[in-house]
Structures are given as structure tokens and as C-alpha cells.
Amino acid sequence: MLQSLQYSIDVIRDEARHLVQRGSVSRQQPIYTLCKYIPAREWTLVECELEASGYLLRDRISDLMGREDWDND
């Protein structure tokens, strides 16, 4: 039996932060860029969660990540 994955907005934010920290994506790129790093069969679930949370795919990844705290300030 196949198990359906659930993507909460917090999980999507964490994944975006991880990709930014690794340097795979930039904060200035559109959220749509994340589809390269999420399996195609799961992208629809991610897209629905983003829409339900008020995000557009053209919004910047930095909008999704929200406020960031810096330790070295």
C-alpha cells in the first residue's frame, strides 16, 4: 500500500531554508524553483499547501522563509 505524504507549510519552509543554506537556491528566486528539488509526484501537494497558505509560485523564496535570526549580529 502506498502511503500519502503530507506537506505542511512548516516542512516546506524548512526545506527551503535548507536549500538556501546549502547554496542550491537563492532567497531571491521564485518559490517555483523548489519544484526542482521535490519529486514531481509530490509537487502538487506542495503547490496546494502553498496556495492554502496564501503564497503564489512567483513569490520569492525569502517571502516563504519569513524572518530570519542571525547569530553573528
C-alpha atoms as a PDB file:
ATOM      1  CA  MET A   1       0.000   0.000   0.000  1.00  0.00           C
ATOM      2  CA  LEU A   2       1.329   3.434  -0.934  1.00  0.00           C
ATOM      3  CA  GLN A   3       1.447   5.997   1.801  1.00  0.00           C
ATOM      4  CA  SER A   4       0.438   9.578   1.015  1.00  0.00           C
ATOM      5  CA  LEU A   5       2.858  12.241   2.194  1.00  0.00           C
ATOM      6  CA  GLN A   6       1.623  15.375   3.915  1.00  0.00           C
ATOM      7  CA  TYR A   7       3.420  18.646   3.373  1.00  0.00           C
ATOM      8  CA  SER A   8       2.779  21.295   5.965  1.00  0.00           C
ATOM      9  CA  ILE A   9       3.872  24.857   5.356  1.00  0.00           C
ATOM     10  CA  ASP A  10       6.482  24.402   8.122  1.00  0.00           C
ATOM     11  CA  VAL A  11       8.020  21.421   6.324  1.00  0.00           C
ATOM     12  CA  ILE A  12       8.144  23.399   3.066  1.00  0.00           C
ATOM     13  CA  ARG A  13       9.778  26.354   4.854  1.00  0.00           C
ATOM     14  CA  ASP A  14      12.364  24.079   6.451  1.00  0.00           C
ATOM     15  CA  GLU A  15      13.204  22.536   3.086  1.00  0.00           C
ATOM     16  CA  ALA A  16      13.546  26.000   1.522  1.00  0.00           C
ATOM     17  CA  ARG A  17      15.863  27.128   4.365  1.00  0.00           C
ATOM     18  CA  HIS A  18      17.967  24.011   3.934  1.00  0.00           C
ATOM     19  CA  LEU A  19      18.318  24.578   0.178  1.00  0.00           C
ATOM     20  CA  VAL A  20      19.257  28.246   0.719  1.00  0.00           C
ATOM     21  CA  GLN A  21      21.854  27.326   3.361  1.00  0.00           C
ATOM     22  CA  ARG A  22      23.357  24.735   1.003  1.00  0.00           C
ATOM     23  CA  GLY A  23      23.505  27.326  -1.753  1.00  0.00           C
ATOM     24  CA  SER A  24      21.276  25.299  -4.074  1.00  0.00           C
ATOM     25  CA  VAL A  25      18.784  28.164  -4.414  1.00  0.00           C
ATOM     26  CA  SER A  26      18.816  31.887  -3.747  1.00  0.00           C
ATOM     27  CA  ARG A  27      16.420  33.787  -1.490  1.00  0.00           C
ATOM     28  CA  GLN A  28      15.571  35.966  -4.494  1.00  0.00           C
ATOM     29  CA  GLN A  29      14.395  33.126  -6.745  1.00  0.00           C
ATOM     30  CA  PRO A  30      10.675  32.404  -7.121  1.00  0.00           C
ATOM     31  CA  ILE A  31       9.124  29.687  -4.969  1.00  0.00           C
ATOM     32  CA  TYR A  32       8.538  27.705  -8.162  1.00  0.00           C
ATOM     33  CA  THR A  33      12.291  26.968  -8.188  1.00  0.00           C
ATOM     34  CA  LEU A  34      11.718  24.498  -5.344  1.00  0.00           C
ATOM     35  CA  CYS A  35       9.955  22.119  -7.739  1.00  0.00           C
ATOM     36  CA  LYS A  36      13.407  21.016  -8.973  1.00  0.00           C
ATOM     37  CA  TYR A  37      14.128  19.581  -5.524  1.00  0.00           C
ATOM     38  CA  ILE A  38      10.779  17.965  -4.757  1.00  0.00           C
ATOM     39  CA  PRO A  39       9.657  14.813  -6.600  1.00  0.00           C
ATOM     40  CA  ALA A  40       7.164  15.624  -9.375  1.00  0.00           C
ATOM     41  CA  ARG A  41       4.503  13.322  -7.942  1.00  0.00           C
ATOM     42  CA  GLU A  42       4.633  15.275  -4.660  1.00  0.00           C
ATOM     43  CA  TRP A  43       4.816  18.784  -6.135  1.00  0.00           C
ATOM     44  CA  THR A  44       1.006  19.018  -6.469  1.00  0.00           C
ATOM     45  CA  LEU A  45       0.684  18.514  -2.714  1.00  0.00           C
ATOM     46  CA  VAL A  46       3.269  21.216  -2.067  1.00  0.00           C
ATOM     47  CA  GLU A  47       1.586  23.582  -4.502  1.00  0.00           C
ATOM     48  CA  CYS A  48      -1.805  23.079  -2.811  1.00  0.00           C
ATOM     49  CA  GLU A  49      -0.322  23.759   0.634  1.00  0.00           C
ATOM     50  CA  LEU A  50       1.399  26.919  -0.610  1.00  0.00           C
ATOM     51  CA  GLU A  51      -1.842  28.149  -2.138  1.00  0.00           C
ATOM     52  CA  ALA A  52      -3.804  27.384   1.041  1.00  0.00           C
ATOM     53  CA  SER A  53      -1.227  29.401   2.998  1.00  0.00           C
ATOM     54  CA  GLY A  54      -1.537  32.402   0.678  1.00  0.00           C
ATOM     55  CA  TYR A  55       1.669  32.020  -1.348  1.00  0.00           C
ATOM     56  CA  LEU A  56       1.975  32.349  -5.107  1.00  0.00           C
ATOM     57  CA  LEU A  57       4.552  30.375  -7.049  1.00  0.00           C
ATOM     58  CA  ARG A  58       6.012  33.645  -8.337  1.00  0.00           C
ATOM     59  CA  ASP A  59       6.620  34.931  -4.770  1.00  0.00           C
ATOM     60  CA  ARG A  60      10.241  34.968  -3.638  1.00  0.00           C
ATOM     61  CA  ILE A  61      11.673  32.166  -1.512  1.00  0.00           C
ATOM     62  CA  SER A  62      12.569  34.851   1.053  1.00  0.00           C
ATOM     63  CA  ASP A  63       8.831  35.583   1.436  1.00  0.00           C
ATOM     64  CA  LEU A  64       8.244  31.934   2.241  1.00  0.00           C
ATOM     65  CA  MET A  65      11.124  31.721   4.692  1.00  0.00           C
ATOM     66  CA  GLY A  66       9.928  34.737   6.645  1.00  0.00           C
ATOM     67  CA  ARG A  67      12.031  36.389   9.295  1.00  0.00           C
ATOM     68  CA  GLU A  68      15.498  35.033   9.921  1.00  0.00           C
ATOM     69  CA  ASP A  69      17.597  35.447  13.047  1.00  0.00           C
ATOM     70  CA  TRP A  70      21.330  35.907  12.686  1.00  0.00           C
ATOM     71  CA  ASP A  71      23.644  34.722  15.462  1.00  0.00           C
ATOM     72  CA  ASN A  72      26.589  36.894  14.469  1.00  0.00           C
ATOM     73  CA  ASP A  73      24.891  40.313  14.543  1.00  0.00           C
END
